Amino acid sequence: MTSIIIATDGSLSAERAVHIGADIAKSRNADVCVVSVLDDRPIPESIIAMAETEHLVEQASDAHISNIANVPMWMTEGVRAAAQTEEMIDIRHAVADLAMEKARAILGEAGITAITEQISEGDAADIILQAAERESAEMIVMGTRGLGALKGLVIGSTSRQVAEHAECSCVTVT
């Protein structure tokens, strides 16, 4: 049976990739594994605002900090930082869950029923490549988000890294 990996992070190009991946999977009667990787880079303010507006996560509260008597300032700052880090992790999970939900809906509309899902933390390129190897995928479909000319030259984009190291065909969608 043919297997296709579709990577999504919730971006517009990833959503377009899911549509194209669904069309390809339907034409080949392929199984699909949808992969979403929790990105450890700083979350853009627009994503944080969306998550808060949509009530995807509860904002970290400082209320418990103000009730602690005789605690050195450096300790309370650490607690605040940990709460913010936890909130960022929650936002990343919420965004990945939304991306997966959207992918599931798009694939369902295309009549694709053989779907597996993977949400993981780590290096996106490595995780996508590992999923392709594990699933014996014949193709990887993913979007490109453009990291910017300089950053792309220095570290390379995820889609470029996947295309360079994959042992199967890769389709990148802008």
Protein backbone atom coordinates (compact mmCIF):
# COMPACT_ATOMS: atom_id res chain seq x y z
CA MET A 1 0.00 0.00 0.00
CA THR A 2 1.24 3.45 -0.87
CA SER A 3 1.91 5.77 2.06
CA ILE A 4 2.20 9.55 2.01
CA ILE A 5 3.49 11.79 4.79
CA ILE A 6 1.79 15.18 5.03
CA ALA A 7 3.52 17.64 7.35
CA THR A 8 1.51 20.51 8.79
CA ASP A 9 2.20 23.30 11.24
CA GLY A 10 -1.00 25.26 10.75
CA SER A 11 0.52 27.80 8.34
CA LEU A 12 -1.23 28.74 5.10
CA SER A 13 1.34 26.93 2.97
CA ALA A 14 0.95 23.82 5.14
CA GLU A 15 -2.83 23.97 4.70
CA ARG A 16 -2.33 24.16 0.93
CA ALA A 17 0.04 21.19 1.23
CA VAL A 18 -2.66 19.20 3.03
CA HIS A 19 -5.09 19.91 0.16
CA ILE A 20 -2.53 18.82 -2.44
CA GLY A 21 -1.51 15.81 -0.36
CA ALA A 22 -5.18 14.81 -0.09
CA ASP A 23 -5.58 14.99 -3.88
CA ILE A 24 -2.44 12.89 -4.41
CA ALA A 25 -3.47 10.35 -1.77
CA LYS A 26 -6.94 10.04 -3.29
CA SER A 27 -5.54 9.49 -6.79
CA ARG A 28 -3.14 6.81 -5.51
CA ASN A 29 -5.48 5.25 -2.96
CA ALA A 30 -2.74 5.92 -0.41
CA ASP A 31 -2.62 5.79 3.36
CA VAL A 32 -1.74 9.15 4.92
CA CYS A 33 0.31 9.95 8.00
CA VAL A 34 -0.14 13.55 9.10
CA VAL A 35 2.84 14.86 11.08
CA SER A 36 2.95 18.04 13.13
CA VAL A 37 6.06 19.05 15.06
CA LEU A 38 6.04 21.34 18.06
CA ASP A 39 8.42 24.10 17.10
CA ASP A 40 10.77 25.31 19.83
CA ARG A 41 11.52 28.64 18.15
CA PRO A 42 9.95 31.76 19.66
CA ILE A 43 6.22 31.90 19.00
CA PRO A 44 5.17 34.89 16.89
CA GLU A 45 3.02 37.42 18.73
CA SER A 46 0.22 36.82 16.20
CA ILE A 47 0.00 33.15 17.21
CA ILE A 48 -0.01 34.02 20.92
CA ALA A 49 -2.75 36.60 20.35
CA MET A 50 -4.81 34.08 18.34
CA ALA A 51 -4.41 31.43 21.03
CA GLU A 52 -5.49 33.84 23.75
CA THR A 53 -8.37 35.24 21.68
CA GLU A 54 -9.63 31.75 20.90
CA HIS A 55 -9.17 30.76 24.56
CA LEU A 56 -7.00 27.84 23.49
CA VAL A 57 -4.92 28.14 26.63
CA GLU A 58 -5.35 29.89 29.93
CA GLN A 59 -2.98 32.76 30.51
CA ALA A 60 -0.35 32.21 33.17
CA SER A 61 -1.43 33.77 36.41
CA ASP A 62 0.77 35.74 38.77
CA ALA A 63 -1.83 35.52 41.54
CA HIS A 64 -0.08 32.70 43.38
CA ILE A 65 3.20 34.65 43.33
CA SER A 66 1.82 37.71 45.11
CA ASN A 67 0.66 35.58 48.04
CA ILE A 68 4.12 34.24 48.82
CA ALA A 69 5.57 36.07 51.79
CA ASN A 70 9.28 36.65 52.31
CA VAL A 71 10.35 35.06 49.00
CA PRO A 72 13.40 36.58 47.34
CA MET A 73 12.68 38.40 44.08
CA TRP A 74 14.90 36.06 42.06
CA MET A 75 12.71 33.11 43.05
CA THR A 76 9.48 34.79 42.02
CA GLU A 77 11.03 35.72 38.67
CA GLY A 78 11.88 32.04 38.15
CA VAL A 79 8.30 31.03 38.91
CA ARG A 80 7.01 33.66 36.45
CA ALA A 81 9.43 32.42 33.77
CA ALA A 82 8.36 28.81 34.33
CA ALA A 83 4.69 29.80 34.06
CA GLN A 84 5.37 31.65 30.80
CA THR A 85 7.32 28.67 29.43
CA GLU A 86 4.45 26.36 30.34
CA GLU A 87 2.02 28.71 28.60
CA MET A 88 4.19 28.67 25.45
CA ILE A 89 4.20 24.85 25.50
CA ASP A 90 0.42 24.89 25.86
CA ILE A 91 0.14 27.28 22.92
CA ARG A 92 2.37 25.06 20.77
CA HIS A 93 0.21 22.02 21.61
CA ALA A 94 -2.98 23.96 20.89
CA VAL A 95 -1.66 25.13 17.51
CA ALA A 96 -0.57 21.58 16.61
CA ASP A 97 -3.98 20.22 17.65
CA LEU A 98 -5.73 22.81 15.49
CA ALA A 99 -3.47 22.04 12.54
CA MET A 100 -4.21 18.33 12.95
CA GLU A 101 -7.95 18.96 13.23
CA LYS A 102 -7.89 21.05 10.04
CA ALA A 103 -5.86 18.37 8.21
CA ARG A 104 -8.28 15.68 9.37
CA ALA A 105 -11.22 17.71 8.01
CA ILE A 106 -9.53 18.35 4.64
CA LEU A 107 -8.58 14.68 4.26
CA GLY A 108 -12.08 13.61 5.29
CA GLU A 109 -13.64 15.90 2.66
CA ALA A 110 -11.39 14.22 0.07
CA GLY A 111 -12.61 10.79 1.19
CA ILE A 112 -9.30 9.74 2.76
CA THR A 113 -10.03 7.37 5.64
CA ALA A 114 -6.67 5.63 6.20
CA ILE A 115 -5.12 8.37 8.35
CA THR A 116 -2.58 8.15 11.15
CA GLU A 117 -1.49 11.18 13.15
CA GLN A 118 1.72 12.12 14.88
CA ILE A 119 2.39 15.19 17.01
CA SER A 120 5.97 15.29 18.24
CA GLU A 121 8.54 17.59 19.79
CA GLY A 122 12.00 18.00 18.35
CA ASP A 123 13.71 18.94 15.14
CA ALA A 124 11.00 19.15 12.48
CA ALA A 125 13.11 17.83 9.60
CA ASP A 126 14.34 14.84 11.64
CA ILE A 127 10.85 13.93 12.82
CA ILE A 128 9.35 14.17 9.33
CA LEU A 129 12.17 12.05 7.90
CA GLN A 130 11.78 9.48 10.68
CA ALA A 131 8.04 9.27 10.02
CA ALA A 132 8.70 8.76 6.30
CA GLU A 133 11.14 5.94 7.06
CA ARG A 134 8.84 4.31 9.63
CA GLU A 135 5.84 4.44 7.25
CA SER A 136 7.93 3.43 4.20
CA ALA A 137 6.49 6.53 2.59
CA GLU A 138 6.68 7.02 -1.13
CA MET A 139 6.16 10.74 -0.81
CA ILE A 140 6.35 13.66 1.64
CA VAL A 141 4.11 16.68 1.07
CA MET A 142 4.80 19.82 3.07
CA GLY A 143 4.55 23.58 2.93
CA THR A 144 7.27 26.18 2.96
CA ARG A 145 7.03 29.24 5.17
CA GLY A 146 10.15 31.10 4.07
CA LEU A 147 12.51 31.81 6.93
CA GLY A 148 13.96 34.85 5.22
CA ALA A 149 16.95 34.94 2.90
CA LEU A 150 19.73 35.21 5.49
CA LYS A 151 18.28 32.78 8.03
CA GLY A 152 17.47 30.30 5.25
CA LEU A 153 21.07 30.43 4.03
CA VAL A 154 22.51 29.96 7.50
CA ILE A 155 20.38 27.13 8.90
CA GLY A 156 18.31 25.98 5.94
CA SER A 157 14.55 25.60 5.98
CA THR A 158 12.82 22.48 7.19
CA SER A 159 11.46 21.74 3.72
CA ARG A 160 14.94 22.07 2.21
CA GLN A 161 16.45 19.76 4.82
CA VAL A 162 13.71 17.19 4.28
CA ALA A 163 14.05 17.33 0.48
CA GLU A 164 17.83 16.93 0.70
CA HIS A 165 17.72 13.90 3.00
CA ALA A 166 14.50 12.08 2.11
CA GLU A 167 14.67 8.71 0.43
CA CYS A 168 11.36 9.34 -1.32
CA SER A 169 9.78 12.04 -3.48
CA CYS A 170 9.10 15.40 -1.84
CA VAL A 171 6.48 17.94 -2.82
CA THR A 172 6.86 21.40 -1.30
CA VAL A 173 4.01 23.87 -1.51
CA THR A 174 4.25 27.64 -1.18
